Amino acid sequence: MSAQPHPIPLPRITFARLADQKAKRQPIAMATAYDHPSAQIAQAVGIDLVVVGTLPR
């Protein structure tokens, strides 16, 4: 059995925070993750917004 690091809780991203980042001309990173492991990786590296899943056909 391998040990897993305890995830560090990240602050929630709000519309107000995004607007503040935009006003300060700070970059906003967004990514699409098609599965749970990809979403975890995106969160771990600090992506601001992660869309998980695919669009229905």
Protein backbone atom coordinates (compact mmCIF):
# COMPACT_ATOMS: atom_id res chain seq x y z
CA MET A 1 0.00 0.00 0.00
CA SER A 2 1.38 3.42 -0.87
CA ALA A 3 1.00 6.57 1.17
CA GLN A 4 -0.98 9.39 -0.40
CA PRO A 5 -0.23 13.02 0.51
CA HIS A 6 -3.05 14.82 2.26
CA PRO A 7 -4.46 17.42 -0.18
CA ILE A 8 -3.96 21.05 0.76
CA PRO A 9 -7.33 22.83 0.86
CA LEU A 10 -7.41 25.57 -1.76
CA PRO A 11 -9.46 28.76 -1.47
CA ARG A 12 -12.71 28.75 -3.43
CA ILE A 13 -12.72 30.80 -6.61
CA THR A 14 -15.60 33.29 -6.68
CA PHE A 15 -16.80 35.58 -9.45
CA ALA A 16 -15.63 38.51 -7.35
CA ARG A 17 -12.13 37.02 -7.14
CA LEU A 18 -12.06 36.43 -10.91
CA ALA A 19 -13.21 40.01 -11.53
CA ASP A 20 -10.48 41.26 -9.20
CA GLN A 21 -7.86 39.18 -11.04
CA LYS A 22 -9.09 40.59 -14.34
CA ALA A 23 -9.03 44.17 -13.03
CA LYS A 24 -5.45 43.65 -11.84
CA ARG A 25 -4.59 42.10 -15.23
CA GLN A 26 -3.52 38.86 -13.53
CA PRO A 27 -3.66 35.70 -15.65
CA ILE A 28 -6.55 33.30 -15.10
CA ALA A 29 -5.84 29.66 -15.96
CA MET A 30 -8.71 27.40 -17.06
CA ALA A 31 -8.60 23.79 -18.23
CA THR A 32 -10.96 20.99 -19.19
CA ALA A 33 -10.47 17.61 -17.53
CA TYR A 34 -12.25 14.64 -19.04
CA ASP A 35 -11.85 12.40 -15.99
CA HIS A 36 -11.31 12.59 -12.23
CA PRO A 37 -7.53 11.90 -12.23
CA SER A 38 -6.98 14.71 -14.75
CA ALA A 39 -9.07 17.07 -12.62
CA GLN A 40 -6.99 16.19 -9.56
CA ILE A 41 -3.77 16.95 -11.45
CA ALA A 42 -5.14 20.27 -12.71
CA GLN A 43 -6.13 21.23 -9.16
CA ALA A 44 -2.75 20.15 -7.78
CA VAL A 45 -0.82 22.41 -10.16
CA GLY A 46 -2.98 25.43 -9.35
CA ILE A 47 -5.33 25.82 -12.31
CA ASP A 48 -7.88 28.51 -11.32
CA LEU A 49 -10.91 26.90 -13.00
CA VAL A 50 -11.35 23.26 -14.01
CA VAL A 51 -14.33 22.09 -16.08
CA VAL A 52 -14.80 18.36 -15.49
CA GLY A 53 -16.59 16.09 -17.94
CA THR A 54 -17.78 16.34 -21.49
CA LEU A 55 -20.79 17.86 -23.18
CA PRO A 56 -23.73 15.55 -23.83
CA ARG A 57 -24.23 14.60 -27.44
